[in-house]
C-alpha atoms as a PDB file:
ATOM      1  CA  UNK A   1      21.355  39.207 -35.688  1.00  0.00           C
ATOM      2  CA  UNK A   2      18.163  40.811 -36.296  1.00  0.00           C
ATOM      3  CA  UNK A   3      19.577  42.032 -39.680  1.00  0.00           C
ATOM      4  CA  UNK A   4      20.159  38.440 -40.834  1.00  0.00           C
ATOM      5  CA  UNK A   5      16.720  37.348 -39.773  1.00  0.00           C
ATOM      6  CA  UNK A   6      15.070  40.347 -41.569  1.00  0.00           C
ATOM      7  CA  UNK A   7      17.288  39.836 -44.760  1.00  0.00           C
ATOM      8  CA  UNK A   8      16.630  35.936 -44.744  1.00  0.00           C
ATOM      9  CA  UNK A   9      12.634  36.534 -44.821  1.00  0.00           C
ATOM     10  CA  UNK A  10      13.280  39.265 -47.773  1.00  0.00           C
ATOM     11  CA  UNK A  11      15.318  36.520 -49.375  1.00  0.00           C
ATOM     12  CA  UNK A  12      12.859  34.093 -49.089  1.00  0.00           C
ATOM     13  CA  UNK A  13      10.034  36.453 -50.183  1.00  0.00           C
ATOM     14  CA  UNK A  14      12.053  37.496 -53.393  1.00  0.00           C
ATOM     15  CA  UNK A  15      12.201  33.753 -54.562  1.00  0.00           C
ATOM     16  CA  UNK A  16       8.276  33.946 -54.083  1.00  0.00           C
ATOM     17  CA  UNK A  17       7.819  37.106 -56.028  1.00  0.00           C
ATOM     18  CA  UNK A  18       8.791  40.684 -57.123  1.00  0.00           C
ATOM     19  CA  UNK A  19       9.355  42.774 -53.632  1.00  0.00           C
ATOM     20  CA  UNK A  20       9.281  46.002 -55.749  1.00  0.00           C
ATOM     21  CA  UNK A  21       5.291  45.205 -56.365  1.00  0.00           C
ATOM     22  CA  UNK A  22       4.201  44.580 -52.654  1.00  0.00           C
ATOM     23  CA  UNK A  23       3.085  47.547 -50.848  1.00  0.00           C
ATOM     24  CA  UNK A  24       3.367  46.980 -46.512  1.00  0.00           C
ATOM     25  CA  UNK A  25      -0.165  47.960 -46.035  1.00  0.00           C
ATOM     26  CA  UNK A  26      -1.306  44.953 -43.571  1.00  0.00           C
ATOM     27  CA  UNK A  27       0.868  44.129 -40.348  1.00  0.00           C
ATOM     28  CA  UNK A  28       1.146  40.581 -38.688  1.00  0.00           C
ATOM     29  CA  UNK A  29       2.995  39.938 -35.500  1.00  0.00           C
ATOM     30  CA  UNK A  30       4.973  37.109 -35.671  1.00  0.00           C
ATOM     31  CA  UNK A  31       6.739  35.373 -33.174  1.00  0.00           C
ATOM     32  CA  UNK A  32       8.803  32.288 -32.791  1.00  0.00           C
ATOM     33  CA  UNK A  33      10.887  30.039 -30.108  1.00  0.00           C
ATOM     34  CA  UNK A  34      13.320  27.677 -30.597  1.00  0.00           C
ATOM     35  CA  UNK A  35      16.191  25.871 -28.745  1.00  0.00           C
ATOM     36  CA  UNK A  36      19.197  27.289 -31.001  1.00  0.00           C
ATOM     37  CA  UNK A  37      19.486  29.855 -33.631  1.00  0.00           C
ATOM     38  CA  UNK A  38      19.329  27.555 -36.406  1.00  0.00           C
ATOM     39  CA  UNK A  39      16.210  26.237 -35.324  1.00  0.00           C
ATOM     40  CA  UNK A  40      14.840  29.720 -34.365  1.00  0.00           C
ATOM     41  CA  UNK A  41      15.632  30.598 -38.514  1.00  0.00           C
ATOM     42  CA  UNK A  42      14.015  27.518 -39.339  1.00  0.00           C
ATOM     43  CA  UNK A  43      10.938  28.290 -37.253  1.00  0.00           C
ATOM     44  CA  UNK A  44      10.769  32.135 -38.336  1.00  0.00           C
ATOM     45  CA  UNK A  45      10.756  31.458 -41.962  1.00  0.00           C
ATOM     46  CA  UNK A  46       8.102  28.323 -41.827  1.00  0.00           C
ATOM     47  CA  UNK A  47       5.789  30.830 -39.643  1.00  0.00           C
ATOM     48  CA  UNK A  48       5.895  33.480 -42.234  1.00  0.00           C
ATOM     49  CA  UNK A  49       5.344  30.840 -45.253  1.00  0.00           C
ATOM     50  CA  UNK A  50       2.561  29.562 -43.192  1.00  0.00           C
ATOM     51  CA  UNK A  51       1.030  32.854 -42.873  1.00  0.00           C
ATOM     52  CA  UNK A  52       1.583  33.672 -46.409  1.00  0.00           C
ATOM     53  CA  UNK A  53      -0.109  30.313 -47.601  1.00  0.00           C
ATOM     54  CA  UNK A  54      -2.823  30.287 -45.420  1.00  0.00           C
ATOM     55  CA  UNK A  55      -3.739  34.074 -45.351  1.00  0.00           C
ATOM     56  CA  UNK A  56      -2.707  34.531 -49.081  1.00  0.00           C
ATOM     57  CA  UNK A  57      -0.340  37.322 -48.228  1.00  0.00           C
ATOM     58  CA  UNK A  58       3.129  38.467 -49.631  1.00  0.00           C
ATOM     59  CA  UNK A  59       5.551  39.970 -47.207  1.00  0.00           C
ATOM     60  CA  UNK A  60       8.075  42.733 -48.202  1.00  0.00           C
ATOM     61  CA  UNK A  61       9.029  43.966 -44.695  1.00  0.00           C
ATOM     62  CA  UNK A  62      10.439  42.615 -41.461  1.00  0.00           C
ATOM     63  CA  UNK A  63      10.842  44.799 -38.560  1.00  0.00           C
ATOM     64  CA  UNK A  64      12.190  42.780 -35.617  1.00  0.00           C
ATOM     65  CA  UNK A  65      11.020  44.114 -32.361  1.00  0.00           C
ATOM     66  CA  UNK A  66      12.947  41.208 -29.949  1.00  0.00           C
ATOM     67  CA  UNK A  67      15.364  39.179 -30.863  1.00  0.00           C
ATOM     68  CA  UNK A  68      17.656  36.477 -28.990  1.00  0.00           C
ATOM     69  CA  UNK A  69      19.241  33.269 -29.790  1.00  0.00           C
ATOM     70  CA  UNK A  70      15.902  31.322 -28.793  1.00  0.00           C
ATOM     71  CA  UNK A  71      13.207  33.854 -29.603  1.00  0.00           C
ATOM     72  CA  UNK A  72      11.951  36.460 -32.174  1.00  0.00           C
ATOM     73  CA  UNK A  73       9.034  38.764 -32.234  1.00  0.00           C
ATOM     74  CA  UNK A  74       8.426  41.015 -35.309  1.00  0.00           C
ATOM     75  CA  UNK A  75       5.936  42.897 -37.573  1.00  0.00           C
ATOM     76  CA  UNK A  76       5.804  41.590 -40.980  1.00  0.00           C
ATOM     77  CA  UNK A  77       4.334  44.030 -43.431  1.00  0.00           C
ATOM     78  CA  UNK A  78       2.850  42.809 -46.712  1.00  0.00           C
ATOM     79  CA  UNK A  79      -0.553  42.459 -48.495  1.00  0.00           C
ATOM     80  CA  UNK A  80      -3.029  40.208 -49.960  1.00  0.00           C
ATOM     81  CA  UNK A  81      -1.809  38.558 -53.289  1.00  0.00           C
ATOM     82  CA  UNK A  82      -3.091  40.192 -56.214  1.00  0.00           C
ATOM     83  CA  UNK A  83      -2.444  38.308 -59.560  1.00  0.00           C
ATOM     84  CA  UNK A  84      -2.792  41.271 -61.510  1.00  0.00           C
ATOM     85  CA  UNK A  85      -0.369  43.272 -59.635  1.00  0.00           C
ATOM     86  CA  UNK A  86       2.032  40.525 -58.036  1.00  0.00           C
ATOM     87  CA  UNK A  87       4.606  38.750 -60.168  1.00  0.00           C
ATOM     88  CA  UNK A  88       5.064  35.525 -58.449  1.00  0.00           C
ATOM     89  CA  UNK A  89       8.033  33.454 -59.449  1.00  0.00           C
ATOM     90  CA  UNK A  90       8.272  30.444 -57.160  1.00  0.00           C
ATOM     91  CA  UNK A  91       6.257  28.740 -54.526  1.00  0.00           C
ATOM     92  CA  UNK A  92       7.961  27.669 -51.634  1.00  0.00           C
ATOM     93  CA  UNK A  93       6.795  24.307 -49.822  1.00  0.00           C
ATOM     94  CA  UNK A  94       8.950  24.027 -47.021  1.00  0.00           C
ATOM     95  CA  UNK A  95      11.893  25.720 -44.996  1.00  0.00           C
ATOM     96  CA  UNK A  96      14.254  22.887 -44.793  1.00  0.00           C
ATOM     97  CA  UNK A  97      17.286  21.805 -42.321  1.00  0.00           C
ATOM     98  CA  UNK A  98      19.439  20.446 -45.276  1.00  0.00           C
ATOM     99  CA  UNK A  99      22.967  22.003 -45.305  1.00  0.00           C
ATOM    100  CA  UNK A 100      21.636  24.675 -42.796  1.00  0.00           C
ATOM    101  CA  UNK A 101      24.184  27.351 -41.238  1.00  0.00           C
ATOM    102  CA  UNK A 102      24.017  30.155 -38.949  1.00  0.00           C
ATOM    103  CA  UNK A 103      27.099  31.786 -37.607  1.00  0.00           C
ATOM    104  CA  UNK A 104      28.853  34.809 -36.629  1.00  0.00           C
ATOM    105  CA  UNK A 105      31.605  35.755 -38.710  1.00  0.00           C
ATOM    106  CA  UNK A 106      33.645  38.719 -37.074  1.00  0.00           C
ATOM    107  CA  UNK A 107      30.865  41.435 -36.672  1.00  0.00           C
ATOM    108  CA  UNK A 108      27.968  39.774 -38.651  1.00  0.00           C
ATOM    109  CA  UNK A 109      25.686  37.047 -38.707  1.00  0.00           C
ATOM    110  CA  UNK A 110      25.491  34.793 -41.869  1.00  0.00           C
ATOM    111  CA  UNK A 111      23.389  31.866 -42.994  1.00  0.00           C
ATOM    112  CA  UNK A 112      22.605  29.494 -45.411  1.00  0.00           C
ATOM    113  CA  UNK A 113      19.196  28.162 -45.537  1.00  0.00           C
ATOM    114  CA  UNK A 114      17.464  26.088 -48.397  1.00  0.00           C
ATOM    115  CA  UNK A 115      14.083  25.777 -49.327  1.00  0.00           C
ATOM    116  CA  UNK A 116      11.790  22.615 -51.139  1.00  0.00           C
ATOM    117  CA  UNK A 117      10.195  24.004 -54.030  1.00  0.00           C
END
């Protein structure tokens, strides 16, 4: 489950910009809670998106500290946006619930999440 949440966050920021140009120089503690794993994924990604927008940060790495189906605590690493170094692609306005899916398939977790751009 930790890998799923980390990969979902990386995927979201890969839509926003080129991850290869982002240095993991600043750390942010990010926590989210929810009543289901689907809501937790949306809350997690929304919190990261909020931090990115309000702090002007691009994230590239996500170290999950604690996670269960209703809580996550993690360290998000990244750096302030630098227009001269960072290639930006698409602005994500929101994480949506449309067609949202989080499930365990055998030994792995899979998810589908759509963004409002």
